Amino acid sequence: MTVWLESESHEPLRPGRRMSYIEPIVDSLKDVLSPRTRKRLKHALAIVMGIEALIAVRDIGRASIEESLDTAACAARALVRQALTEDEQARRKRNAAE
């Protein structure tokens, strides 16, 4: 893990599928979210939509499968709401400065 994290190459070690689900959804918000916010949201959603998150909730939190899935969905919704809120606040601030 350390070798990969410290590597300059960002080539995936294994094929990932979650970004193929995340990208079209987040990219549909291109008229609402800035490119920087969309990129950050994609990365954040990749964290909560992976098996790693479900394992952590089940193993550490002792949650059921249903609770784990519900928690992941809740986290994803919260990330989207936060991204929308932050971009809206930035837009208002820019408009007020003009």
N, C-alpha and C. Protein backbone atom coordinates (compact mmCIF):
# COMPACT_ATOMS: atom_id res chain seq x y z
N MET A 1 0.82 -1.18 0.00
CA MET A 1 0.00 0.00 0.00
C MET A 1 0.87 1.25 0.00
N THR A 2 1.90 1.28 0.81
CA THR A 2 2.78 2.44 0.89
C THR A 2 3.47 2.69 -0.44
N VAL A 3 3.94 1.63 -1.08
CA VAL A 3 4.61 1.77 -2.38
C VAL A 3 3.65 2.39 -3.38
N TRP A 4 2.42 1.93 -3.41
CA TRP A 4 1.45 2.48 -4.36
C TRP A 4 1.12 3.93 -4.03
N LEU A 5 0.91 4.24 -2.76
CA LEU A 5 0.56 5.60 -2.38
C LEU A 5 1.67 6.59 -2.69
N GLU A 6 2.92 6.14 -2.58
CA GLU A 6 4.06 7.03 -2.82
C GLU A 6 4.49 7.05 -4.28
N SER A 7 3.87 6.25 -5.10
CA SER A 7 4.21 6.17 -6.52
C SER A 7 3.72 7.41 -7.27
N GLU A 8 4.48 7.82 -8.26
CA GLU A 8 4.08 8.94 -9.10
C GLU A 8 3.04 8.50 -10.13
N SER A 9 3.02 7.24 -10.45
CA SER A 9 2.08 6.70 -11.43
C SER A 9 0.71 6.56 -10.79
N HIS A 10 -0.29 6.91 -11.53
CA HIS A 10 -1.65 6.76 -11.03
C HIS A 10 -2.41 5.72 -11.83
N GLU A 11 -1.67 4.78 -12.37
CA GLU A 11 -2.29 3.69 -13.11
C GLU A 11 -2.99 2.76 -12.12
N PRO A 12 -4.23 2.39 -12.39
CA PRO A 12 -4.92 1.50 -11.46
C PRO A 12 -4.26 0.13 -11.42
N LEU A 13 -4.21 -0.45 -10.23
CA LEU A 13 -3.65 -1.78 -10.07
C LEU A 13 -4.63 -2.85 -10.51
N ARG A 14 -5.89 -2.53 -10.48
CA ARG A 14 -6.93 -3.46 -10.91
C ARG A 14 -8.05 -2.65 -11.55
N PRO A 15 -8.79 -3.28 -12.42
CA PRO A 15 -9.86 -2.51 -13.06
C PRO A 15 -10.92 -2.11 -12.04
N GLY A 16 -11.34 -0.89 -12.12
CA GLY A 16 -12.38 -0.41 -11.22
C GLY A 16 -13.65 -0.15 -11.99
N ARG A 17 -14.76 -0.48 -11.39
CA ARG A 17 -16.03 -0.27 -12.07
C ARG A 17 -16.82 0.88 -11.47
N ARG A 18 -16.52 1.23 -10.23
CA ARG A 18 -17.38 2.21 -9.56
C ARG A 18 -17.37 3.57 -10.26
N MET A 19 -16.24 3.96 -10.86
CA MET A 19 -16.20 5.26 -11.53
C MET A 19 -17.10 5.27 -12.76
N SER A 20 -17.30 4.11 -13.39
CA SER A 20 -18.21 4.07 -14.54
C SER A 20 -19.65 4.32 -14.12
N TYR A 21 -19.96 4.09 -12.85
CA TYR A 21 -21.29 4.39 -12.32
C TYR A 21 -21.36 5.84 -11.84
N ILE A 22 -20.29 6.29 -11.20
CA ILE A 22 -20.26 7.61 -10.58
C ILE A 22 -20.17 8.73 -11.61
N GLU A 23 -19.28 8.59 -12.58
CA GLU A 23 -19.01 9.69 -13.52
C GLU A 23 -20.23 10.18 -14.27
N PRO A 24 -21.06 9.32 -14.87
CA PRO A 24 -22.23 9.85 -15.59
C PRO A 24 -23.19 10.62 -14.69
N ILE A 25 -23.33 10.16 -13.46
CA ILE A 25 -24.25 10.83 -12.53
C ILE A 25 -23.72 12.21 -12.17
N VAL A 26 -22.44 12.27 -11.78
CA VAL A 26 -21.86 13.55 -11.39
C VAL A 26 -21.73 14.48 -12.60
N ASP A 27 -21.37 13.92 -13.76
CA ASP A 27 -21.23 14.75 -14.95
C ASP A 27 -22.57 15.34 -15.39
N SER A 28 -23.67 14.73 -14.98
CA SER A 28 -24.99 15.30 -15.32
C SER A 28 -25.23 16.60 -14.56
N LEU A 29 -24.38 16.88 -13.57
CA LEU A 29 -24.49 18.12 -12.79
C LEU A 29 -23.55 19.20 -13.32
N LYS A 30 -23.07 19.06 -14.56
CA LYS A 30 -22.08 20.01 -15.09
C LYS A 30 -22.61 21.43 -15.16
N ASP A 31 -23.91 21.60 -15.28
CA ASP A 31 -24.47 22.96 -15.31
C ASP A 31 -24.67 23.53 -13.91
N VAL A 32 -24.48 22.70 -12.90
CA VAL A 32 -24.72 23.11 -11.52
C VAL A 32 -23.42 23.19 -10.71
N LEU A 33 -22.52 22.25 -10.96
CA LEU A 33 -21.28 22.19 -10.19
C LEU A 33 -20.07 22.55 -11.04
N SER A 34 -19.12 23.20 -10.43
CA SER A 34 -17.89 23.55 -11.13
C SER A 34 -17.08 22.28 -11.42
N PRO A 35 -16.18 22.33 -12.39
CA PRO A 35 -15.35 21.16 -12.68
C PRO A 35 -14.57 20.68 -11.45
N ARG A 36 -14.03 21.60 -10.67
CA ARG A 36 -13.28 21.23 -9.47
C ARG A 36 -14.16 20.49 -8.47
N THR A 37 -15.37 20.98 -8.27
CA THR A 37 -16.29 20.35 -7.32
C THR A 37 -16.74 18.99 -7.83
N ARG A 38 -16.99 18.88 -9.13
CA ARG A 38 -17.38 17.58 -9.69
C ARG A 38 -16.27 16.55 -9.49
N LYS A 39 -15.04 16.95 -9.73
CA LYS A 39 -13.92 16.02 -9.57
C LYS A 39 -13.82 15.56 -8.11
N ARG A 40 -13.91 16.50 -7.18
CA ARG A 40 -13.84 16.17 -5.76
C ARG A 40 -15.01 15.27 -5.35
N LEU A 41 -16.20 15.55 -5.87
CA LEU A 41 -17.37 14.74 -5.55
C LEU A 41 -17.20 13.31 -6.08
N LYS A 42 -16.67 13.17 -7.27
CA LYS A 42 -16.41 11.83 -7.82
C LYS A 42 -15.48 11.05 -6.90
N HIS A 43 -14.43 11.70 -6.45
CA HIS A 43 -13.48 11.03 -5.56
C HIS A 43 -14.14 10.67 -4.23
N ALA A 44 -14.92 11.59 -3.69
CA ALA A 44 -15.58 11.33 -2.41
C ALA A 44 -16.59 10.19 -2.52
N LEU A 45 -17.35 10.18 -3.61
CA LEU A 45 -18.32 9.10 -3.81
C LEU A 45 -17.64 7.76 -3.99
N ALA A 46 -16.46 7.77 -4.60
CA ALA A 46 -15.71 6.52 -4.79
C ALA A 46 -15.36 5.90 -3.44
N ILE A 47 -15.16 6.74 -2.45
CA ILE A 47 -14.84 6.24 -1.11
C ILE A 47 -16.03 5.52 -0.49
N VAL A 48 -17.20 6.13 -0.58
CA VAL A 48 -18.36 5.55 0.11
C VAL A 48 -19.08 4.48 -0.70
N MET A 49 -18.79 4.40 -1.99
CA MET A 49 -19.47 3.42 -2.83
C MET A 49 -18.69 2.12 -3.00
N GLY A 50 -17.55 2.02 -2.36
CA GLY A 50 -16.74 0.82 -2.51
C GLY A 50 -17.03 -0.23 -1.46
N ILE A 51 -16.59 -1.42 -1.76
CA ILE A 51 -16.76 -2.53 -0.83
C ILE A 51 -16.03 -2.26 0.48
N GLU A 52 -14.95 -1.48 0.38
CA GLU A 52 -14.17 -1.18 1.59
C GLU A 52 -15.03 -0.50 2.64
N ALA A 53 -15.85 0.44 2.22
CA ALA A 53 -16.72 1.16 3.15
C ALA A 53 -17.74 0.21 3.79
N LEU A 54 -18.29 -0.68 2.98
CA LEU A 54 -19.27 -1.62 3.52
C LEU A 54 -18.63 -2.58 4.51
N ILE A 55 -17.42 -3.03 4.20
CA ILE A 55 -16.72 -3.92 5.12
C ILE A 55 -16.46 -3.20 6.44
N ALA A 56 -16.03 -1.96 6.37
CA ALA A 56 -15.75 -1.22 7.60
C ALA A 56 -17.00 -1.07 8.45
N VAL A 57 -18.11 -0.73 7.83
CA VAL A 57 -19.35 -0.54 8.59
C VAL A 57 -19.81 -1.86 9.19
N ARG A 58 -19.69 -2.94 8.42
CA ARG A 58 -20.13 -4.24 8.94
C ARG A 58 -19.18 -4.76 10.00
N ASP A 59 -17.88 -4.64 9.75
CA ASP A 59 -16.89 -5.22 10.65
C ASP A 59 -16.73 -4.39 11.92
N ILE A 60 -16.47 -3.11 11.75
CA ILE A 60 -16.22 -2.24 12.89
C ILE A 60 -17.52 -1.83 13.58
N GLY A 61 -18.50 -1.46 12.76
CA GLY A 61 -19.76 -0.98 13.32
C GLY A 61 -20.75 -2.08 13.63
N ARG A 62 -20.43 -3.29 13.22
CA ARG A 62 -21.31 -4.44 13.45
C ARG A 62 -22.72 -4.21 12.89
N ALA A 63 -22.77 -3.55 11.74
CA ALA A 63 -24.05 -3.27 11.10
C ALA A 63 -24.49 -4.46 10.25
N SER A 64 -25.78 -4.55 10.05
CA SER A 64 -26.32 -5.57 9.14
C SER A 64 -26.02 -5.15 7.71
N ILE A 65 -26.27 -6.03 6.77
CA ILE A 65 -26.08 -5.70 5.36
C ILE A 65 -27.00 -4.53 4.99
N GLU A 66 -28.25 -4.61 5.41
CA GLU A 66 -29.21 -3.53 5.11
C GLU A 66 -28.75 -2.20 5.70
N GLU A 67 -28.29 -2.24 6.96
CA GLU A 67 -27.80 -1.01 7.60
C GLU A 67 -26.57 -0.46 6.88
N SER A 68 -25.71 -1.35 6.44
CA SER A 68 -24.49 -0.92 5.74
C SER A 68 -24.83 -0.22 4.43
N LEU A 69 -25.73 -0.82 3.67
CA LEU A 69 -26.14 -0.22 2.40
C LEU A 69 -26.85 1.11 2.62
N ASP A 70 -27.71 1.15 3.64
CA ASP A 70 -28.42 2.39 3.96
C ASP A 70 -27.43 3.49 4.37
N THR A 71 -26.41 3.12 5.14
CA THR A 71 -25.41 4.08 5.58
C THR A 71 -24.62 4.62 4.39
N ALA A 72 -24.23 3.74 3.47
CA ALA A 72 -23.49 4.17 2.28
C ALA A 72 -24.34 5.13 1.44
N ALA A 73 -25.61 4.81 1.27
CA ALA A 73 -26.51 5.68 0.51
C ALA A 73 -26.68 7.03 1.20
N CYS A 74 -26.81 7.01 2.52
CA CYS A 74 -26.93 8.25 3.29
C CYS A 74 -25.68 9.11 3.12
N ALA A 75 -24.52 8.49 3.20
CA ALA A 75 -23.25 9.22 3.03
C ALA A 75 -23.14 9.81 1.63
N ALA A 76 -23.55 9.05 0.62
CA ALA A 76 -23.49 9.54 -0.76
C ALA A 76 -24.40 10.75 -0.94
N ARG A 77 -25.61 10.67 -0.40
CA ARG A 77 -26.54 11.81 -0.50
C ARG A 77 -25.97 13.03 0.22
N ALA A 78 -25.37 12.81 1.37
CA ALA A 78 -24.79 13.93 2.12
C ALA A 78 -23.65 14.58 1.34
N LEU A 79 -22.85 13.79 0.67
CA LEU A 79 -21.76 14.34 -0.14
C LEU A 79 -22.29 15.17 -1.30
N VAL A 80 -23.33 14.69 -1.95
CA VAL A 80 -23.92 15.44 -3.06
C VAL A 80 -24.53 16.74 -2.55
N ARG A 81 -25.28 16.68 -1.45
CA ARG A 81 -25.86 17.90 -0.88
C ARG A 81 -24.78 18.91 -0.52
N GLN A 82 -23.70 18.44 0.08
CA GLN A 82 -22.62 19.33 0.48
C GLN A 82 -21.97 19.98 -0.73
N ALA A 83 -21.74 19.21 -1.77
CA ALA A 83 -21.15 19.77 -2.99
C ALA A 83 -22.06 20.84 -3.59
N LEU A 84 -23.34 20.57 -3.65
CA LEU A 84 -24.30 21.55 -4.18
C LEU A 84 -24.31 22.81 -3.32
N THR A 85 -24.31 22.64 -2.01
CA THR A 85 -24.33 23.78 -1.09
C THR A 85 -23.07 24.62 -1.24
N GLU A 86 -21.91 23.98 -1.27
CA GLU A 86 -20.65 24.72 -1.38
C GLU A 86 -20.56 25.50 -2.68
N ASP A 87 -20.97 24.87 -3.79
CA ASP A 87 -20.91 25.58 -5.07
C ASP A 87 -21.90 26.74 -5.11
N GLU A 88 -23.08 26.55 -4.52
CA GLU A 88 -24.07 27.62 -4.48
C GLU A 88 -23.55 28.78 -3.64
N GLN A 89 -22.93 28.50 -2.51
CA GLN A 89 -22.36 29.55 -1.67
C GLN A 89 -21.25 30.30 -2.41
N ALA A 90 -20.41 29.58 -3.11
CA ALA A 90 -19.32 30.22 -3.88
C ALA A 90 -19.90 31.10 -4.99
N ARG A 91 -20.96 30.62 -5.64
CA ARG A 91 -21.60 31.39 -6.71
C ARG A 91 -22.21 32.67 -6.16
N ARG A 92 -22.86 32.58 -5.01
CA ARG A 92 -23.46 33.78 -4.38
C ARG A 92 -22.37 34.78 -3.99
N LYS A 93 -21.27 34.27 -3.48
CA LYS A 93 -20.17 35.14 -3.07
C LYS A 93 -19.58 35.85 -4.27
N ARG A 94 -19.41 35.14 -5.38
CA ARG A 94 -18.89 35.78 -6.61
C ARG A 94 -19.86 36.83 -7.13
N ASN A 95 -21.15 36.50 -7.12
CA ASN A 95 -22.16 37.44 -7.61
C ASN A 95 -22.23 38.69 -6.73
N ALA A 96 -22.06 38.53 -5.44
CA ALA A 96 -22.11 39.67 -4.52
C ALA A 96 -20.89 40.57 -4.72
N ALA A 97 -19.78 39.98 -5.12
CA ALA A 97 -18.55 40.75 -5.31
C ALA A 97 -18.58 41.52 -6.64
N GLU A 98 -19.44 41.14 -7.54
CA GLU A 98 -19.51 41.81 -8.86
C GLU A 98 -20.24 43.11 -8.81
